[in-house]
Protein backbone atom coordinates (compact mmCIF):
# COMPACT_ATOMS: atom_id res chain seq x y z
CA MET A 1 0.00 0.00 0.00
CA ALA A 2 1.16 3.50 -0.82
CA LYS A 3 1.58 5.80 2.19
CA PRO A 4 -0.61 8.86 2.74
CA ALA A 5 1.29 12.07 1.92
CA ASP A 6 1.39 13.16 5.57
CA GLN A 7 3.33 10.01 6.52
CA ILE A 8 6.19 10.66 4.09
CA HIS A 9 9.31 12.40 5.33
CA ARG A 10 10.80 14.48 2.51
CA ALA A 11 14.50 15.35 2.47
CA TRP A 12 16.87 16.87 -0.07
CA TRP A 13 19.19 13.86 0.06
CA LYS A 14 16.34 11.49 -0.80
CA GLU A 15 15.78 13.45 -3.99
CA SER A 16 19.49 13.45 -4.92
CA SER A 17 21.58 11.17 -7.10
CA VAL A 18 25.31 10.57 -6.65
CA TYR A 19 28.29 10.22 -9.00
CA GLN A 20 31.21 8.29 -7.51
CA ILE A 21 34.82 9.11 -8.44
CA TRP A 22 37.81 6.80 -7.96
CA PRO A 23 40.51 9.47 -8.24
CA ALA A 24 43.41 7.34 -9.45
CA SER A 25 41.47 6.34 -12.55
CA PHE A 26 39.28 9.35 -13.34
CA LYS A 27 41.41 11.97 -15.17
CA ASP A 28 45.13 12.69 -15.11
CA SER A 29 45.86 16.41 -15.48
CA ASN A 30 49.66 16.39 -15.20
CA ASP A 31 50.65 13.33 -17.26
CA ASP A 32 52.11 11.26 -14.45
CA GLY A 33 49.79 8.35 -15.27
CA ILE A 34 47.64 8.79 -12.15
CA GLY A 35 44.32 10.59 -11.95
CA ASP A 36 44.15 13.65 -9.73
CA ILE A 37 41.86 16.28 -8.26
CA PRO A 38 42.59 18.97 -10.89
CA GLY A 39 41.57 16.32 -13.45
CA ILE A 40 38.27 15.89 -11.64
CA ILE A 41 37.71 19.65 -11.61
CA SER A 42 38.23 19.73 -15.38
CA LYS A 43 35.31 17.31 -15.85
CA LEU A 44 32.75 18.86 -13.50
CA ASP A 45 30.61 20.13 -16.38
CA TYR A 46 30.50 16.60 -17.83
CA ILE A 47 29.28 15.30 -14.46
CA LYS A 48 26.78 18.14 -14.03
CA ASN A 49 25.31 17.52 -17.49
CA LEU A 50 24.57 13.93 -16.48
CA GLY A 51 22.08 15.35 -14.01
CA VAL A 52 23.53 14.19 -10.70
CA ASP A 53 23.40 16.22 -7.50
CA ILE A 54 26.30 14.93 -5.41
CA VAL A 55 29.90 14.02 -6.27
CA TRP A 56 31.43 11.34 -4.04
CA LEU A 57 35.22 11.52 -3.87
CA CYS A 58 36.86 8.23 -2.85
CA PRO A 59 39.82 8.47 -0.44
CA SER A 60 42.39 11.00 -1.59
CA TYR A 61 44.21 11.42 1.70
CA LYS A 62 47.92 10.85 2.30
CA SER A 63 48.50 7.11 2.02
CA PRO A 64 51.13 4.48 1.19
CA GLN A 65 48.47 3.12 -1.24
CA VAL A 66 48.69 -0.49 -0.07
CA ASP A 67 44.91 -0.62 -0.51
CA MET A 68 44.48 2.25 -2.95
CA GLY A 69 44.04 4.95 -0.33
CA TYR A 70 41.91 3.02 2.15
CA ASP A 71 45.05 2.86 4.28
CA ILE A 72 45.21 6.46 5.46
CA ALA A 73 48.40 7.92 6.95
CA ASP A 74 47.08 11.46 7.50
CA TYR A 75 43.40 12.48 7.42
CA TYR A 76 44.29 16.16 7.14
CA SER A 77 46.56 15.93 4.08
CA ILE A 78 45.99 14.95 0.45
CA ALA A 79 48.20 12.39 -1.32
CA ASP A 80 50.85 14.14 -3.42
CA GLU A 81 49.80 12.23 -6.55
CA TYR A 82 46.24 13.57 -6.22
CA GLY A 83 46.96 17.18 -5.33
CA THR A 84 46.60 19.35 -2.25
CA VAL A 85 44.04 20.41 0.33
CA ALA A 86 43.72 23.62 -1.70
CA ASP A 87 42.74 21.49 -4.72
CA VAL A 88 39.99 19.84 -2.68
CA GLU A 89 38.77 23.29 -1.66
CA LYS A 90 38.63 24.22 -5.37
CA LEU A 91 36.73 21.01 -6.07
CA ILE A 92 34.20 21.80 -3.34
CA LYS A 93 33.80 25.32 -4.74
CA GLY A 94 33.44 24.01 -8.30
CA CYS A 95 30.72 21.58 -7.24
CA HIS A 96 28.84 24.24 -5.29
CA GLU A 97 29.01 26.70 -8.20
CA ARG A 98 27.26 24.07 -10.34
CA GLY A 99 24.59 23.31 -7.78
CA MET A 100 26.21 20.03 -6.73
CA LYS A 101 27.47 18.87 -3.34
CA LEU A 102 30.68 17.00 -2.46
CA LEU A 103 30.76 13.80 -0.43
CA MET A 104 34.08 12.77 1.17
CA ASP A 105 35.11 9.22 2.10
CA LEU A 106 35.46 8.61 5.84
CA VAL A 107 37.64 5.56 6.56
CA VAL A 108 37.82 5.19 10.32
CA ASN A 109 37.58 1.49 11.11
CA HIS A 110 41.32 1.33 10.43
CA THR A 111 44.28 3.47 9.45
CA SER A 112 47.57 2.85 7.69
CA ASP A 113 50.36 1.35 9.75
CA GLN A 114 52.26 4.46 8.64
CA HIS A 115 49.89 6.75 10.52
CA GLU A 116 51.61 8.52 13.43
CA TRP A 117 48.99 7.11 15.78
CA PHE A 118 50.00 3.55 14.96
CA LYS A 119 53.73 4.25 14.91
CA LYS A 120 53.41 5.48 18.49
CA SER A 121 51.01 2.68 19.43
CA ARG A 122 53.43 -0.07 18.41
CA SER A 123 56.48 1.66 19.95
CA SER A 124 55.81 0.30 23.45
CA LYS A 125 53.06 -1.12 25.63
CA ASP A 126 52.98 1.97 27.83
CA ASN A 127 52.82 4.57 25.07
CA GLU A 128 49.80 6.88 25.37
CA TYR A 129 48.62 5.70 21.93
CA ARG A 130 48.77 1.98 22.75
CA ASN A 131 45.02 1.76 23.33
CA TRP A 132 44.21 3.52 20.06
CA TYR A 133 44.48 0.12 18.36
CA ILE A 134 43.47 -3.44 19.26
CA TRP A 135 46.41 -5.32 20.79
CA LYS A 136 46.19 -8.81 22.30
CA PRO A 137 48.75 -11.26 23.73
CA PRO A 138 49.42 -14.52 21.87
CA ARG A 139 47.78 -17.83 22.62
CA TYR A 140 50.04 -20.84 23.15
CA ASP A 141 49.22 -24.49 22.57
CA GLU A 142 50.40 -27.40 24.72
CA GLN A 143 53.62 -27.61 22.72
CA GLY A 144 54.36 -23.95 23.41
CA ASN A 145 53.69 -22.82 19.84
CA ARG A 146 52.47 -19.26 19.46
CA HIS A 147 49.09 -18.55 17.84
CA PRO A 148 46.96 -15.44 17.16
CA PRO A 149 44.35 -14.39 19.74
CA ASN A 150 41.53 -15.94 17.70
CA ASN A 151 40.82 -17.60 14.35
CA TRP A 152 39.34 -14.65 12.45
CA VAL A 153 40.18 -14.40 8.77
CA SER A 154 41.23 -11.15 7.11
CA HIS A 155 39.12 -9.87 4.21
CA PHE A 156 42.36 -9.93 2.22
CA GLN A 157 43.21 -13.59 3.00
CA GLY A 158 44.98 -15.20 5.97
CA SER A 159 44.80 -14.39 9.67
CA ALA A 160 43.30 -11.07 10.79
CA TRP A 161 46.09 -10.74 13.37
CA GLU A 162 49.73 -9.70 12.90
CA TYR A 163 52.44 -10.44 15.46
CA ASP A 164 54.66 -7.52 16.41
CA GLU A 165 58.10 -8.61 17.60
CA LEU A 166 58.88 -5.36 19.44
CA THR A 167 56.13 -5.66 22.05
CA GLY A 168 55.33 -9.36 21.75
CA GLU A 169 51.63 -8.86 20.98
CA TYR A 170 49.29 -9.15 18.00
CA TYR A 171 47.28 -6.31 16.47
CA LEU A 172 43.98 -6.76 14.67
CA HIS A 173 43.68 -5.95 10.96
CA LEU A 174 40.42 -6.98 9.33
CA TYR A 175 41.92 -5.97 5.99
CA ALA A 176 45.59 -5.75 4.94
CA THR A 177 48.39 -6.29 7.42
CA GLU A 178 49.18 -2.62 6.86
CA GLN A 179 45.65 -1.57 7.92
CA PRO A 180 45.43 -1.94 11.73
CA ASP A 181 41.96 -1.57 13.23
CA LEU A 182 41.28 1.40 15.51
CA ASN A 183 39.98 0.75 19.02
CA TRP A 184 36.69 2.65 19.20
CA GLU A 185 36.26 1.65 22.84
CA HIS A 186 38.96 4.25 23.62
CA PRO A 187 37.33 7.73 23.91
CA PRO A 188 40.26 9.67 22.36
CA VAL A 189 39.79 7.66 19.15
CA ARG A 190 36.17 8.76 18.88
CA LYS A 191 37.09 12.39 19.55
CA ALA A 192 39.78 12.23 16.86
CA VAL A 193 37.22 10.97 14.33
CA HIS A 194 34.80 13.74 15.26
CA ASP A 195 37.57 16.30 14.77
CA ILE A 196 38.33 14.90 11.30
CA MET A 197 34.66 15.16 10.34
CA ARG A 198 34.44 18.78 11.45
CA PHE A 199 37.68 19.68 9.64
CA TRP A 200 36.28 18.69 6.23
CA LEU A 201 32.73 19.87 6.91
CA ASP A 202 34.13 23.29 7.85
CA LYS A 203 35.84 23.36 4.46
CA GLY A 204 32.46 22.93 2.78
CA ALA A 205 32.21 19.17 2.27
CA ASN A 206 28.56 18.08 2.37
CA GLY A 207 28.88 14.75 4.11
CA PHE A 208 30.55 11.37 4.11
CA ARG A 209 30.46 7.90 2.71
CA MET A 210 31.51 5.80 5.72
CA ASP A 211 33.73 2.83 4.96
CA VAL A 212 32.74 -0.47 6.67
CA ILE A 213 31.19 1.66 9.37
CA ASN A 214 29.41 -1.26 11.06
CA PHE A 215 32.79 -2.80 11.97
CA ILE A 216 33.77 -0.06 14.42
CA SER A 217 32.23 -1.81 17.45
CA LYS A 218 33.64 -5.27 18.23
CA ASP A 219 32.62 -7.91 20.74
CA GLN A 220 35.27 -7.26 23.40
CA ARG A 221 35.59 -10.97 24.20
CA PHE A 222 37.13 -11.50 20.72
CA PRO A 223 36.03 -15.16 20.64
CA ASP A 224 36.90 -17.72 17.99
CA ALA A 225 34.53 -17.78 15.04
CA PRO A 226 32.53 -20.92 14.21
CA ILE A 227 34.28 -23.20 11.73
CA LYS A 228 32.42 -23.00 8.42
CA ASP A 229 35.28 -23.82 6.05
CA SER A 230 37.34 -26.78 7.26
CA ARG A 231 39.92 -26.25 4.51
CA THR A 232 41.51 -23.37 6.41
CA PRO A 233 42.20 -22.47 10.05
CA TRP A 234 40.91 -18.93 9.44
CA GLN A 235 37.18 -18.32 9.71
CA TRP A 236 34.78 -15.41 9.21
CA GLY A 237 34.34 -13.64 12.54
CA ASP A 238 31.77 -11.14 11.31
CA LYS A 239 29.20 -12.13 13.94
CA TYR A 240 31.62 -10.65 16.49
CA TYR A 241 32.75 -7.48 14.68
CA ALA A 242 29.88 -6.50 12.38
CA ASN A 243 27.16 -4.51 14.20
CA GLY A 244 28.81 -4.78 17.58
CA PRO A 245 27.25 -3.85 20.93
CA ARG A 246 28.10 -0.11 20.86
CA LEU A 247 27.64 0.57 17.13
CA HIS A 248 24.55 2.74 17.46
CA GLU A 249 26.02 4.74 20.31
CA TYR A 250 28.95 5.61 18.06
CA LEU A 251 26.74 6.32 15.04
CA GLN A 252 24.50 8.62 17.03
CA ASP A 253 27.50 10.65 18.17
CA MET A 254 28.53 11.05 14.53
CA GLY A 255 24.95 11.71 13.50
CA LYS A 256 24.76 14.73 15.81
CA ILE A 257 27.65 16.32 13.91
CA LEU A 258 26.11 15.50 10.54
CA LYS A 259 22.76 16.96 11.59
CA GLU A 260 24.46 20.10 12.86
CA TYR A 261 25.85 20.71 9.36
CA ASP A 262 22.71 19.44 7.52
CA THR A 263 24.85 16.98 5.61
CA PHE A 264 24.46 13.65 3.87
CA SER A 265 25.76 10.25 4.94
CA VAL A 266 25.81 6.77 3.47
CA GLY A 267 27.27 3.81 5.31
CA GLU A 268 28.96 0.75 3.90
CA MET A 269 27.61 -2.10 6.04
CA PRO A 270 28.70 -5.61 4.98
CA PHE A 271 27.33 -8.77 6.58
CA VAL A 272 23.97 -7.22 7.42
CA LYS A 273 20.92 -9.34 6.68
CA ASP A 274 19.00 -8.44 9.84
CA THR A 275 16.54 -5.82 8.63
CA GLU A 276 15.87 -4.52 12.13
CA GLU A 277 19.59 -3.91 12.67
CA VAL A 278 19.73 -1.87 9.46
CA LEU A 279 16.66 0.07 10.48
CA ARG A 280 18.30 1.10 13.75
CA ALA A 281 20.99 2.78 11.66
CA VAL A 282 18.90 4.43 8.93
CA ARG A 283 15.37 5.04 10.21
CA PHE A 284 14.51 8.69 9.67
CA ASP A 285 14.07 9.54 13.35
CA ARG A 286 17.27 7.79 14.50
CA ASN A 287 19.62 10.54 13.26
CA GLU A 288 22.49 8.12 12.66
CA ILE A 289 23.13 7.72 8.93
CA ASN A 290 20.82 8.44 6.00
CA MET A 291 21.19 5.16 4.11
CA ILE A 292 23.44 2.13 3.70
CA PHE A 293 24.92 0.10 0.89
CA ASN A 294 23.40 -3.35 1.06
CA PHE A 295 25.53 -6.23 -0.22
CA GLU A 296 23.05 -9.00 -1.02
CA HIS A 297 22.77 -8.30 -4.74
CA VAL A 298 26.53 -7.88 -5.21
CA ASP A 299 27.25 -11.17 -3.42
CA ILE A 300 24.86 -12.96 -5.75
CA ASP A 301 27.55 -14.64 -7.87
CA HIS A 302 29.91 -15.61 -5.04
CA GLY A 303 30.80 -19.22 -4.30
CA THR A 304 29.96 -21.05 -1.09
CA TYR A 305 33.15 -20.11 0.73
CA ASP A 306 34.85 -17.53 -1.44
CA LYS A 307 33.87 -14.77 -3.86
CA PHE A 308 36.53 -16.10 -6.27
CA GLU A 309 34.70 -19.41 -6.52
CA PRO A 310 32.04 -19.84 -9.24
CA GLY A 311 28.50 -19.01 -8.20
CA SER A 312 25.18 -19.03 -10.02
CA TRP A 313 21.96 -17.07 -9.76
CA LYS A 314 18.60 -16.51 -11.47
CA LEU A 315 16.76 -13.28 -12.28
CA THR A 316 14.19 -14.14 -9.63
CA ASP A 317 16.99 -14.14 -7.03
CA LEU A 318 17.98 -10.61 -8.04
CA LYS A 319 14.37 -9.42 -8.02
CA GLY A 320 13.84 -10.98 -4.62
CA PHE A 321 16.80 -9.22 -3.02
CA PHE A 322 15.66 -5.85 -4.27
CA GLU A 323 12.00 -6.38 -3.36
CA ARG A 324 12.89 -7.29 0.21
CA TRP A 325 14.78 -4.08 0.87
CA GLN A 326 12.54 -1.85 -1.25
CA LYS A 327 9.43 -2.77 0.69
CA PHE A 328 11.08 -2.93 4.11
CA MET A 329 12.66 0.52 3.88
CA TYR A 330 9.50 2.12 2.50
CA GLU A 331 7.25 0.61 5.14
CA ASN A 332 9.60 1.42 8.04
CA ASP A 333 10.79 4.93 7.20
CA GLY A 334 14.27 3.90 6.10
CA TRP A 335 16.09 4.61 2.84
CA ASN A 336 18.00 2.66 0.20
CA ALA A 337 21.27 3.44 -1.55
CA LEU A 338 20.81 2.12 -5.09
CA TYR A 339 23.86 0.86 -6.95
CA TRP A 340 25.09 -1.74 -9.42
CA GLU A 341 28.75 -0.73 -9.42
CA ASN A 342 31.45 0.86 -7.29
CA HIS A 343 35.21 0.68 -6.81
CA ASP A 344 34.90 -2.76 -5.18
CA GLN A 345 32.62 -4.34 -7.78
CA PRO A 346 32.92 -5.48 -11.40
CA ARG A 347 31.12 -3.76 -14.25
CA SER A 348 27.37 -4.28 -14.33
CA VAL A 349 27.02 -4.87 -18.10
CA ASP A 350 29.20 -7.97 -17.64
CA ARG A 351 27.97 -9.06 -14.23
CA TYR A 352 24.20 -8.81 -14.41
CA VAL A 353 23.56 -9.26 -18.12
CA ASN A 354 26.71 -10.50 -19.90
CA ALA A 355 25.23 -9.91 -23.35
CA LYS A 356 26.86 -10.01 -26.75
CA GLU A 357 28.77 -6.86 -27.67
CA GLU A 358 26.02 -5.82 -30.09
CA TYR A 359 23.69 -5.35 -27.11
CA ARG A 360 26.13 -3.42 -24.93
CA ALA A 361 24.34 -0.09 -25.32
CA ALA A 362 20.96 -1.73 -24.78
CA THR A 363 22.07 -3.44 -21.57
CA GLY A 364 23.66 -0.28 -20.22
CA LYS A 365 20.36 1.55 -20.73
CA LEU A 366 18.33 -1.30 -19.23
CA LEU A 367 20.44 -1.34 -16.07
CA ALA A 368 20.16 2.43 -15.70
CA THR A 369 16.38 2.34 -16.03
CA VAL A 370 15.76 -0.55 -13.65
CA LEU A 371 18.09 0.79 -10.95
CA ALA A 372 17.50 4.53 -10.82
CA LEU A 373 13.70 4.47 -10.70
CA LYS A 374 13.53 2.25 -7.63
CA SER A 375 12.90 3.66 -4.16
CA GLY A 376 16.15 5.15 -2.90
CA SER A 377 19.02 7.37 -4.01
CA PRO A 378 20.84 6.17 -7.16
CA PHE A 379 24.63 6.01 -7.31
CA VAL A 380 26.42 6.12 -10.65
CA TYR A 381 30.02 4.92 -10.67
CA GLN A 382 32.50 6.56 -13.04
CA GLY A 383 32.42 4.91 -16.47
CA GLN A 384 29.10 3.20 -15.75
CA GLU A 385 27.36 6.02 -17.60
CA ILE A 386 29.20 5.04 -20.80
CA GLY A 387 28.92 1.27 -20.37
CA MET A 388 32.51 0.45 -19.44
CA ARG A 389 33.24 -3.26 -19.21
CA ASN A 390 35.39 -5.62 -17.17
CA VAL A 391 39.09 -6.05 -17.87
CA PRO A 392 39.94 -8.00 -21.04
CA ILE A 393 39.89 -11.80 -20.80
CA GLU A 394 43.41 -11.81 -22.21
CA TRP A 395 44.87 -9.94 -19.23
CA ASP A 396 47.90 -11.60 -17.67
CA MET A 397 48.14 -11.70 -13.86
CA SER A 398 50.84 -9.05 -14.10
CA GLU A 399 48.14 -6.54 -15.11
CA TYR A 400 46.14 -6.95 -11.89
CA LYS A 401 46.62 -4.46 -9.05
CA ASP A 402 43.93 -5.45 -6.52
CA ILE A 403 45.53 -6.60 -3.26
CA ASP A 404 42.58 -8.91 -2.56
CA CYS A 405 42.92 -10.63 -5.93
CA LEU A 406 46.73 -10.84 -5.80
CA ASN A 407 46.76 -12.24 -2.25
CA HIS A 408 44.25 -14.87 -3.33
CA TRP A 409 46.40 -15.80 -6.35
CA ASN A 410 49.62 -16.01 -4.35
CA ARG A 411 48.01 -18.29 -1.76
CA LEU A 412 46.69 -20.47 -4.57
CA LEU A 413 50.19 -20.76 -6.05
CA LYS A 414 51.54 -21.87 -2.66
CA ASN A 415 48.70 -24.34 -2.03
CA PRO A 416 49.93 -27.90 -2.80
CA ASN A 417 46.32 -29.04 -3.22
CA ALA A 418 45.53 -26.47 -5.93
CA ASP A 419 46.11 -27.91 -9.41
CA GLU A 420 46.20 -26.18 -12.77
CA LYS A 421 42.42 -26.55 -13.13
CA ALA A 422 41.86 -24.68 -9.85
CA ARG A 423 44.16 -21.89 -11.00
CA LYS A 424 42.37 -21.65 -14.34
CA ILE A 425 39.00 -21.33 -12.58
CA ALA A 426 40.43 -18.64 -10.29
CA ARG A 427 41.74 -16.68 -13.28
CA GLN A 428 38.29 -16.82 -14.86
CA GLU A 429 36.70 -15.58 -11.64
CA TYR A 430 39.19 -12.70 -11.32
CA GLN A 431 38.13 -11.49 -14.76
CA LYS A 432 34.53 -11.58 -13.56
CA LYS A 433 34.84 -10.30 -9.98
CA SER A 434 38.20 -8.68 -9.26
CA ARG A 435 37.96 -5.14 -7.96
CA ASP A 436 40.28 -4.16 -10.82
CA ASN A 437 37.30 -4.48 -13.15
CA GLY A 438 35.92 -1.23 -11.82
CA ARG A 439 39.28 0.51 -11.56
CA THR A 440 40.57 0.72 -15.13
CA PRO A 441 40.98 4.35 -16.25
CA VAL A 442 37.94 6.20 -17.53
CA GLN A 443 37.74 6.19 -21.30
CA TRP A 444 37.39 9.81 -22.35
CA THR A 445 38.31 9.90 -26.05
CA GLU A 446 39.69 7.85 -28.95
CA ALA A 447 43.18 9.25 -28.25
CA PRO A 448 45.96 6.97 -26.93
CA ASN A 449 45.25 5.83 -23.35
CA GLY A 450 41.64 6.80 -23.95
CA GLY A 451 42.47 10.42 -23.19
CA PHE A 452 42.91 9.52 -19.51
CA THR A 453 46.55 10.62 -19.57
CA GLY A 454 49.09 11.80 -22.11
CA PRO A 455 49.76 9.71 -25.26
CA ASN A 456 53.33 8.87 -24.26
CA VAL A 457 52.58 8.13 -20.60
CA LYS A 458 52.17 4.68 -19.05
CA PRO A 459 49.00 4.83 -16.91
CA TRP A 460 49.09 3.28 -13.46
CA MET A 461 46.69 0.63 -14.77
CA SER A 462 46.13 -0.37 -18.37
CA VAL A 463 43.21 1.22 -20.18
CA ASN A 464 40.66 -1.21 -21.63
CA PRO A 465 41.46 -1.31 -25.39
CA ASP A 466 37.80 -0.89 -26.34
CA PHE A 467 38.15 2.84 -25.55
CA ILE A 468 38.41 3.39 -29.32
CA TYR A 469 34.68 2.69 -29.59
CA PHE A 470 33.31 3.25 -26.10
CA ASN A 471 34.40 6.60 -24.75
CA ALA A 472 32.76 9.64 -23.18
CA GLU A 473 33.39 11.96 -26.13
CA ASN A 474 31.56 9.69 -28.56
CA GLN A 475 28.69 9.18 -26.15
CA VAL A 476 28.19 12.86 -25.42
CA LYS A 477 27.89 13.43 -29.18
CA ASP A 478 25.41 10.58 -29.66
CA PRO A 479 21.89 11.45 -28.41
CA ASN A 480 21.04 7.71 -28.29
CA SER A 481 24.00 6.75 -26.09
CA ILE A 482 24.03 5.19 -22.62
CA TYR A 483 25.25 8.53 -21.24
CA HIS A 484 22.22 10.42 -22.53
CA HIS A 485 19.90 7.64 -21.43
CA TRP A 486 21.26 7.92 -17.91
CA ALA A 487 20.64 11.67 -18.09
CA SER A 488 17.06 11.02 -19.28
CA VAL A 489 16.38 8.57 -16.45
CA LEU A 490 17.70 10.95 -13.78
CA LYS A 491 15.71 13.81 -15.31
CA LEU A 492 12.56 11.65 -15.30
CA ARG A 493 13.14 10.79 -11.64
CA LYS A 494 13.17 14.50 -10.79
CA LYS A 495 10.21 15.38 -13.01
CA TYR A 496 8.03 12.73 -11.35
CA LEU A 497 9.51 13.17 -7.89
CA ASP A 498 6.43 12.05 -6.00
CA ILE A 499 6.23 8.74 -7.86
CA PHE A 500 9.89 7.74 -8.23
CA VAL A 501 11.25 9.15 -4.98
CA TYR A 502 8.35 8.95 -2.55
CA GLY A 503 6.10 6.30 -4.07
CA ASN A 504 5.81 2.66 -2.99
CA TYR A 505 7.30 -0.31 -4.84
CA GLU A 506 5.47 -3.39 -6.06
CA LEU A 507 7.11 -6.20 -8.02
CA VAL A 508 5.25 -7.29 -11.17
CA ASP A 509 5.47 -10.67 -12.97
CA ARG A 510 7.29 -12.09 -9.97
CA GLU A 511 8.11 -15.58 -11.28
CA SER A 512 9.38 -14.57 -14.71
CA GLN A 513 13.03 -15.31 -15.47
CA GLU A 514 12.86 -12.98 -18.48
CA ILE A 515 11.13 -9.85 -17.20
CA PHE A 516 12.11 -7.44 -14.43
CA ALA A 517 9.08 -5.21 -13.85
CA TYR A 518 7.79 -3.13 -10.98
CA THR A 519 5.37 -0.31 -10.29
CA ARG A 520 5.90 2.88 -8.28
CA GLN A 521 2.82 4.59 -6.87
CA TYR A 522 2.18 7.85 -5.00
CA GLU A 523 -1.49 8.43 -4.12
CA ASP A 524 -3.31 8.05 -7.47
CA GLN A 525 -0.19 8.42 -9.64
CA LYS A 526 1.31 5.12 -10.82
CA ALA A 527 4.17 4.19 -13.15
CA LEU A 528 5.37 0.86 -14.54
CA VAL A 529 9.05 0.11 -15.18
CA LEU A 530 9.39 -2.86 -17.52
CA ALA A 531 12.59 -4.55 -18.76
CA ASN A 532 13.25 -7.54 -21.01
CA TRP A 533 16.29 -9.23 -19.39
CA THR A 534 17.03 -11.43 -22.44
CA ASP A 535 18.50 -11.19 -25.93
CA ASN A 536 15.22 -12.48 -27.42
CA GLU A 537 12.22 -10.61 -28.72
CA ILE A 538 9.40 -11.54 -26.39
CA GLU A 539 5.73 -10.67 -25.99
CA TRP A 540 4.68 -9.51 -22.56
CA ASP A 541 1.11 -10.01 -21.42
CA ALA A 542 0.26 -6.67 -19.84
CA SER A 543 -3.34 -7.45 -18.97
CA ALA A 544 -2.37 -10.72 -17.25
CA ASN A 545 -0.11 -8.62 -15.02
CA GLY A 546 -2.77 -6.10 -14.07
CA ILE A 547 -1.89 -3.41 -16.63
CA ASP A 548 -5.02 -2.55 -18.58
CA ASP A 549 -4.51 1.04 -19.61
CA ILE A 550 -1.61 3.38 -20.37
CA LYS A 551 -1.90 7.08 -19.73
CA GLU A 552 1.47 8.04 -21.15
CA VAL A 553 4.80 6.56 -22.29
CA LEU A 554 7.57 8.33 -20.37
CA LEU A 555 10.73 6.65 -21.64
CA ASP A 556 11.96 3.88 -23.92
CA SER A 557 15.54 2.64 -24.18
CA TYR A 558 15.24 2.01 -27.91
CA GLU A 559 13.27 4.81 -29.53
CA GLY A 560 11.00 7.81 -29.19
CA ILE A 561 7.94 7.58 -27.00
CA GLU A 562 5.49 8.03 -29.88
CA GLU A 563 6.66 4.84 -31.59
CA THR A 564 6.55 2.99 -28.31
CA ARG A 565 2.98 4.16 -27.67
CA LYS A 566 1.85 2.47 -30.88
CA ARG A 567 3.52 -0.82 -29.93
CA VAL A 568 2.14 -1.09 -26.40
CA SER A 569 -1.42 -0.06 -27.10
CA GLY A 570 -2.93 -3.55 -26.77
CA SER A 571 -2.84 -6.22 -24.07
CA LYS A 572 0.27 -7.96 -25.51
CA TRP A 573 3.40 -5.84 -25.70
CA PRO A 574 6.30 -6.79 -28.01
CA LEU A 575 9.66 -6.19 -26.33
CA ARG A 576 13.01 -6.20 -28.10
CA PRO A 577 16.24 -7.63 -26.63
CA TYR A 578 17.12 -5.82 -23.39
CA GLU A 579 14.47 -3.19 -23.96
CA ALA A 580 13.40 -1.10 -20.98
CA LEU A 581 10.43 1.24 -20.92
CA VAL A 582 8.59 3.40 -18.42
CA VAL A 583 4.88 4.21 -18.63
CA LEU A 584 2.23 5.95 -16.55
CA VAL A 585 -0.66 3.58 -15.95
């Protein structure tokens, strides 16, 4: 049921859409092969013309770049390769002049081991910074062999604990060895985070994307995790560090600062399937964070134990994941962050459709339509708006940069039980799921290196060779491109704000493995979003799915709305391969 108007909480951030920038791969302005903030500034008009409202800048702080900037050595400085604090101030000003806002990345579950806090923390057990991180003594077996404090696995392979010879204790790192976890139980840590937030908000930033924010509160017993994968001694301990006992206390403290500045926040919250736990973070009256990134639909192709194992899924699985969160958030005054892609995910045209090259434009448009008109705030990841694809199948392992992927490969090479077949399967899965898929440089023009950097410069990561055909310059010129379709979808979302932002969501043709369709309704206004998820021409029975009359065709991914109106005038609608259309009913 659609809500009465007086039960809907309107907010500017609900009506906004976001464009995410991975700075290393966006645009290089000084021909050093690495993207930078002046390069971003040079493309602000391109972003504005897409129709987005917020620019999200991934971590650009000073960092050794072990994990591409998610290992921060100084929250108050910008990495030399990206620019300066003054450049960020210019970026903020440039966004504001164009009516856009800037979202910074807040990475405060962990720091770099090169951060001064950690250098002092590991220097001795009695240093004033010792409690800023999570240190534990070893465990010893009956033979006197030393072991980590528990059996938790790192997200980047192996134990989540690293032994430090100097002080004879282990520190926790849920990610790379060089990314020690902060101890949020220690009040000075929380104050330091609050100071960082205020520093950037005072400079004009409009909010934060919060990296793995639900990991900041851990079960202080640090118990062993249940054994789910007997092939390894290291097990997923997420039940003890995701959504810990003090999480909402910490989020509410941060939320007070965000509310004071009237800013926007989105939290990355892995391992969350408990809807009530999510609601405690995002419900409108909780004043914690505005929305979260849910992971169910991006884990859809993972194997039983490992994302780099083959997995399978059906369209009904994908529809089911979305329906669950669409309805729950709407009915309980929460909010969704809508995304197919980001810096940690492969490209959506390969992951969710995997069509022949001839349908690449059609699939890019279909994915834009189906995603951005759902209930929630849509996020567009750089290059998604032009249909960028995964890395080439021919890539050698030497091309990969992702620490997660490379650690996995190196462990496989050392595993005596892994044969050539296992390595071949892993290579295939890297090409499908490695984070590098979303990190190749943006393809701007037909020029060498896709116009990302100078023609005689070696970029930090190879540019996908299909830039000759799929690049931003060509798509901006072509009114029928994916880029312009994205712009049309975002414009439609704003034009029919009540329906597509504040309306309810109802799945249509639930059991179909060919059709993804849903309605959005606000009071007596109702729209249907319909997509053919196949490379076949099919006939959709509109009347059998409760659609008896069309008031107006709003958008079609193939052609003008007048031609579409003629085709969908009866009870049976012909749909072309990967066609998506939007109608008022």
